[in-house]
Amino acid sequence: MSLSAKKILPITLLDIAGLAFIYFVPALSHMLSLPIYFIEPMRLFLILALVHTNKTNAYILALTLPLFSFAVSAHPVLPKMLLITGELVFNVFLFFLFMKYVKNTFASIFLAIVGSKMTYYLVKFILLQLVVLKGGLVSTPILIQVITTIVFSVYCGFLFRK
């Protein structure tokens, strides 16, 4: 598949912005005294990639954003990084699967986010029971997750381009 320079530039800029934002989230959260990670920055850039780039780039970001975060800050810990990576990749997979059958962007992204989150929490619960992970099951308040899911779904529903 060949991409023109006109298409590569926005993809590259979005990817660089995503990596930079992930890199600076801890510092920004500390500096602003706001838990910026509550807005799910990795999913935010995944949604931006789905809307403004292409399927391949969405998968690339799903695979690399958690790895990048782990590489530059050792956070999240390795098992959680793998869990987040799996969740984001599954989110992209579910989105395109639902788009194929539901053909409604808002419903597809909403169901994909909910489905990937449910899978994430199921696997996280198992990892907590096996003592692979420490801490609680839910770290971001459910209400905030519901709000971000709705906001991301509305954004994707209005702006998704095939």
Foldseek 3Di string as FASTA:
>chain_A
DDDDPVQVVVLVVLLVVLLVCLLCQVVCCVVVVHNPCLLVSLVVSLLVCQQRHHLVSSLVSLQPSLVSSCVNPVPPPDVVSVLSSQLSNQLSVQLVVCCVPVVQQLVSNLCSNVVSVVVSLVVVVVCVVVVVDDDDSDDRDPVSVVVSSNVSSVVRRVRHDD
